[in-house]
PDB file of N, CA and C in Angstrom:
ATOM      1  N   MET A   1      13.585  21.817 134.839  1.00  0.00           N
ATOM      2  CA  MET A   1      14.251  21.258 133.682  1.00  0.00           C
ATOM      3  C   MET A   1      15.698  21.205 133.949  1.00  0.00           C
ATOM      4  N   ALA A   2      16.766  20.519 133.824  1.00  0.00           N
ATOM      5  CA  ALA A   2      18.306  21.296 133.437  1.00  0.00           C
ATOM      6  C   ALA A   2      18.403  21.914 132.375  1.00  0.00           C
ATOM      7  N   ARG A   3      19.358  22.964 132.960  1.00  0.00           N
ATOM      8  CA  ARG A   3      19.987  23.796 131.606  1.00  0.00           C
ATOM      9  C   ARG A   3      21.139  23.216 131.128  1.00  0.00           C
ATOM     10  N   LYS A   4      20.966  23.118 129.329  1.00  0.00           N
ATOM     11  CA  LYS A   4      22.526  22.917 128.938  1.00  0.00           C
ATOM     12  C   LYS A   4      23.085  23.824 129.026  1.00  0.00           C
ATOM     13  N   LYS A   5      24.647  23.228 129.178  1.00  0.00           N
ATOM     14  CA  LYS A   5      25.851  23.815 129.127  1.00  0.00           C
ATOM     15  C   LYS A   5      26.583  24.510 128.034  1.00  0.00           C
ATOM     16  N   LYS A   6      26.520  25.949 127.902  1.00  0.00           N
ATOM     17  CA  LYS A   6      26.813  26.337 127.280  1.00  0.00           C
ATOM     18  C   LYS A   6      28.520  26.129 126.190  1.00  0.00           C
ATOM     19  N   SER A   7      28.247  26.217 124.604  1.00  0.00           N
ATOM     20  CA  SER A   7      29.893  26.004 124.515  1.00  0.00           C
ATOM     21  C   SER A   7      30.597  27.524 124.453  1.00  0.00           C
ATOM     22  N   LEU A   8      31.815  26.865 124.373  1.00  0.00           N
ATOM     23  CA  LEU A   8      32.903  27.955 124.335  1.00  0.00           C
ATOM     24  C   LEU A   8      32.632  28.318 123.008  1.00  0.00           C
ATOM     25  N   ILE A   9      32.611  28.063 121.966  1.00  0.00           N
ATOM     26  CA  ILE A   9      32.591  28.783 120.636  1.00  0.00           C
ATOM     27  C   ILE A   9      31.553  28.588 120.069  1.00  0.00           C
ATOM     28  N   PRO A  10      30.225  29.916 119.557  1.00  0.00           N
ATOM     29  CA  PRO A  10      29.132  29.866 119.796  1.00  0.00           C
ATOM     30  C   PRO A  10      28.952  29.057 118.009  1.00  0.00           C
ATOM     31  N   GLY A  11      28.078  28.156 117.730  1.00  0.00           N
ATOM     32  CA  GLY A  11      27.567  27.679 116.848  1.00  0.00           C
ATOM     33  C   GLY A  11      28.450  26.175 116.533  1.00  0.00           C
ATOM     34  N   LEU A  12      29.074  25.976 117.531  1.00  0.00           N
ATOM     35  CA  LEU A  12      29.982  24.432 117.224  1.00  0.00           C
ATOM     36  C   LEU A  12      29.535  23.430 118.822  1.00  0.00           C
ATOM     37  N   SER A  13      28.951  22.374 118.480  1.00  0.00           N
ATOM     38  CA  SER A  13      28.287  21.521 118.909  1.00  0.00           C
ATOM     39  C   SER A  13      29.622  20.153 119.413  1.00  0.00           C
ATOM     40  N   PHE A  14      28.871  19.378 120.275  1.00  0.00           N
ATOM     41  CA  PHE A  14      29.750  17.467 120.098  1.00  0.00           C
ATOM     42  C   PHE A  14      28.858  17.042 120.979  1.00  0.00           C
ATOM     43  N   SER A  15      28.543  15.793 120.028  1.00  0.00           N
ATOM     44  CA  SER A  15      27.644  14.856 120.567  1.00  0.00           C
ATOM     45  C   SER A  15      28.445  13.466 120.670  1.00  0.00           C
ATOM     46  N   TRP A  16      28.485  13.068 121.703  1.00  0.00           N
ATOM     47  CA  TRP A  16      29.135  12.112 122.225  1.00  0.00           C
ATOM     48  C   TRP A  16      28.679  10.867 121.744  1.00  0.00           C
ATOM     49  N   LYS A  17      27.252  10.746 121.306  1.00  0.00           N
ATOM     50  CA  LYS A  17      26.722   9.853 120.437  1.00  0.00           C
ATOM     51  C   LYS A  17      27.744   9.529 119.011  1.00  0.00           C
ATOM     52  N   ARG A  18      27.351  10.641 118.513  1.00  0.00           N
ATOM     53  CA  ARG A  18      28.192  10.801 117.021  1.00  0.00           C
ATOM     54  C   ARG A  18      29.794  10.171 116.823  1.00  0.00           C
ATOM     55  N   ALA A  19      30.389  10.521 118.337  1.00  0.00           N
ATOM     56  CA  ALA A  19      31.785  10.687 118.505  1.00  0.00           C
ATOM     57  C   ALA A  19      31.884   9.235 118.201  1.00  0.00           C
ATOM     58  N   LEU A  20      31.158   8.403 118.813  1.00  0.00           N
ATOM     59  CA  LEU A  20      31.397   7.284 119.382  1.00  0.00           C
ATOM     60  C   LEU A  20      30.767   6.065 118.083  1.00  0.00           C
ATOM     61  N   GLY A  21      29.937   6.589 117.656  1.00  0.00           N
ATOM     62  CA  GLY A  21      29.310   6.114 115.918  1.00  0.00           C
ATOM     63  C   GLY A  21      28.329   5.535 116.400  1.00  0.00           C
ATOM     64  N   ILE A  22      27.776   6.087 117.744  1.00  0.00           N
ATOM     65  CA  ILE A  22      26.277   5.022 117.638  1.00  0.00           C
ATOM     66  C   ILE A  22      25.103   5.957 116.588  1.00  0.00           C
ATOM     67  N   THR A  23      25.339   6.647 116.118  1.00  0.00           N
ATOM     68  CA  THR A  23      23.812   7.333 115.346  1.00  0.00           C
ATOM     69  C   THR A  23      24.527   6.438 114.222  1.00  0.00           C
ATOM     70  N   LYS A  24      25.620   6.532 113.620  1.00  0.00           N
ATOM     71  CA  LYS A  24      25.804   6.118 112.254  1.00  0.00           C
ATOM     72  C   LYS A  24      25.187   4.641 112.686  1.00  0.00           C
ATOM     73  N   ALA A  25      25.535   3.558 114.050  1.00  0.00           N
ATOM     74  CA  ALA A  25      25.324   2.661 113.623  1.00  0.00           C
ATOM     75  C   ALA A  25      23.531   2.256 113.952  1.00  0.00           C
ATOM     76  N   LYS A  26      23.177   2.931 113.974  1.00  0.00           N
ATOM     77  CA  LYS A  26      22.007   3.343 114.193  1.00  0.00           C
ATOM     78  C   LYS A  26      20.764   3.096 113.087  1.00  0.00           C
ATOM     79  N   ARG A  27      21.720   4.142 112.387  1.00  0.00           N
ATOM     80  CA  ARG A  27      20.925   4.422 110.990  1.00  0.00           C
ATOM     81  C   ARG A  27      21.034   3.436 109.955  1.00  0.00           C
ATOM     82  N   LYS A  28      22.541   2.808 110.165  1.00  0.00           N
ATOM     83  CA  LYS A  28      22.905   1.288 109.141  1.00  0.00           C
ATOM     84  C   LYS A  28      21.742   0.331 109.024  1.00  0.00           C
ATOM     85  N   ILE A  29      21.575   0.277 111.060  1.00  0.00           N
ATOM     86  CA  ILE A  29      20.511  -1.068 111.325  1.00  0.00           C
ATOM     87  C   ILE A  29      18.961  -0.537 110.543  1.00  0.00           C
ATOM     88  N   ALA A  30      18.667   0.847 110.720  1.00  0.00           N
ATOM     89  CA  ALA A  30      17.403   0.987 110.764  1.00  0.00           C
ATOM     90  C   ALA A  30      17.069   0.973 108.932  1.00  0.00           C
ATOM     91  N   LYS A  31      17.997   0.897 107.986  1.00  0.00           N
ATOM     92  CA  LYS A  31      18.214   1.098 106.625  1.00  0.00           C
ATOM     93  C   LYS A  31      17.820   0.165 105.966  1.00  0.00           C
ATOM     94  N   ALA A  32      19.021  -1.221 106.639  1.00  0.00           N
ATOM     95  CA  ALA A  32      19.317  -2.649 106.242  1.00  0.00           C
ATOM     96  C   ALA A  32      17.271  -3.606 106.514  1.00  0.00           C
ATOM     97  N   THR A  33      17.414  -2.839 107.602  1.00  0.00           N
ATOM     98  CA  THR A  33      15.671  -3.722 107.852  1.00  0.00           C
ATOM     99  C   THR A  33      14.725  -3.039 107.676  1.00  0.00           C
ATOM    100  N   GLY A  34      14.722  -1.295 107.536  1.00  0.00           N
ATOM    101  CA  GLY A  34      13.639  -1.210 106.917  1.00  0.00           C
ATOM    102  C   GLY A  34      12.270  -0.499 108.212  1.00  0.00           C
ATOM    103  N   ILE A  35      13.074  -0.992 109.569  1.00  0.00           N
ATOM    104  CA  ILE A  35      12.776  -0.423 110.415  1.00  0.00           C
ATOM    105  C   ILE A  35      13.138   0.464 111.755  1.00  0.00           C
ATOM    106  N   PRO A  36      12.479   1.818 111.606  1.00  0.00           N
ATOM    107  CA  PRO A  36      13.150   3.144 112.068  1.00  0.00           C
ATOM    108  C   PRO A  36      13.362   2.672 113.548  1.00  0.00           C
ATOM    109  N   THR A  37      14.497   3.635 113.933  1.00  0.00           N
ATOM    110  CA  THR A  37      14.791   3.131 116.008  1.00  0.00           C
ATOM    111  C   THR A  37      14.221   4.222 116.415  1.00  0.00           C
ATOM    112  N   THR A  38      13.866   5.788 116.193  1.00  0.00           N
ATOM    113  CA  THR A  38      12.912   6.432 116.976  1.00  0.00           C
ATOM    114  C   THR A  38      11.482   5.862 117.420  1.00  0.00           C
ATOM    115  N   LYS A  39      10.955   6.275 118.532  1.00  0.00           N
ATOM    116  CA  LYS A  39      10.313   5.810 119.457  1.00  0.00           C
ATOM    117  C   LYS A  39       8.931   6.324 117.855  1.00  0.00           C
ATOM    118  N   SER A  40       8.595   7.696 117.561  1.00  0.00           N
ATOM    119  CA  SER A  40       7.800   8.230 116.833  1.00  0.00           C
ATOM    120  C   SER A  40       7.679   7.569 115.267  1.00  0.00           C
ATOM    121  N   GLY A  41       8.858   7.251 114.987  1.00  0.00           N
ATOM    122  CA  GLY A  41       9.151   6.779 113.744  1.00  0.00           C
ATOM    123  C   GLY A  41       8.774   4.943 113.537  1.00  0.00           C
ATOM    124  N   ARG A  42       8.561   4.641 114.741  1.00  0.00           N
ATOM    125  CA  ARG A  42       7.881   3.324 115.200  1.00  0.00           C
ATOM    126  C   ARG A  42       6.816   3.177 114.674  1.00  0.00           C
ATOM    127  N   GLN A  43       5.626   4.261 115.561  1.00  0.00           N
ATOM    128  CA  GLN A  43       4.845   4.203 115.623  1.00  0.00           C
ATOM    129  C   GLN A  43       3.993   4.864 114.344  1.00  0.00           C
ATOM    130  N   ARG A  44       4.894   5.762 113.674  1.00  0.00           N
ATOM    131  CA  ARG A  44       4.183   6.022 112.571  1.00  0.00           C
ATOM    132  C   ARG A  44       3.801   4.702 111.419  1.00  0.00           C
ATOM    133  N   LYS A  45       5.038   4.370 111.640  1.00  0.00           N
ATOM    134  CA  LYS A  45       5.408   2.893 110.879  1.00  0.00           C
ATOM    135  C   LYS A  45       3.970   2.223 110.723  1.00  0.00           C
ATOM    136  N   LEU A  46       3.813   1.392 112.108  1.00  0.00           N
ATOM    137  CA  LEU A  46       2.963   0.543 112.342  1.00  0.00           C
ATOM    138  C   LEU A  46       1.491   1.305 112.025  1.00  0.00           C
ATOM    139  N   GLY A  47       1.290   2.582 112.619  1.00  0.00           N
ATOM    140  CA  GLY A  47      -0.008   3.166 112.327  1.00  0.00           C
ATOM    141  C   GLY A  47       0.021   3.269 110.611  1.00  0.00           C
ATOM    142  N   LYS A  48       0.780   2.879 109.836  1.00  0.00           N
ATOM    143  CA  LYS A  48       0.521   2.859 108.571  1.00  0.00           C
ATOM    144  C   LYS A  48       0.079   1.677 107.755  1.00  0.00           C
ATOM    145  N   LEU A  49       0.908   0.566 109.077  1.00  0.00           N
ATOM    146  CA  LEU A  49       0.825  -0.751 108.665  1.00  0.00           C
ATOM    147  C   LEU A  49      -0.866  -1.647 108.748  1.00  0.00           C
ATOM    148  N   PHE A  50      -1.378  -0.886 109.962  1.00  0.00           N
ATOM    149  CA  PHE A  50      -2.729  -1.235 110.448  1.00  0.00           C
ATOM    150  C   PHE A  50      -3.647  -0.673 110.232  1.00  0.00           C
ATOM    151  N   GLY A  51      -3.618   0.382 109.091  1.00  0.00           N
ATOM    152  CA  GLY A  51      -4.295   1.703 108.690  1.00  0.00           C
ATOM    153  C   GLY A  51      -5.084   2.208 109.665  1.00  0.00           C
ATOM    154  N   ILE A  52      -3.636   2.771 110.974  1.00  0.00           N
ATOM    155  CA  ILE A  52      -4.920   3.448 112.212  1.00  0.00           C
ATOM    156  C   ILE A  52      -4.095   5.014 111.866  1.00  0.00           C
ATOM    157  N   LYS A  53      -4.651   6.039 112.566  1.00  0.00           N
ATOM    158  CA  LYS A  53      -4.709   7.191 111.905  1.00  0.00           C
ATOM    159  C   LYS A  53      -3.456   8.032 113.231  1.00  0.00           C
TER     160      LYS A  53
END
């Protein structure tokens, strides 16, 4: 497993996805369609829909 590069300033992190607006776009799509963008969220939604535990 690869080690994460430590930040120069403790408690400060940087996300390139947030910087490019990808996170906001995914959230907007999920709210508009009602379909989660994460794999576990989609599985949970389908499980409820079909009554699978």
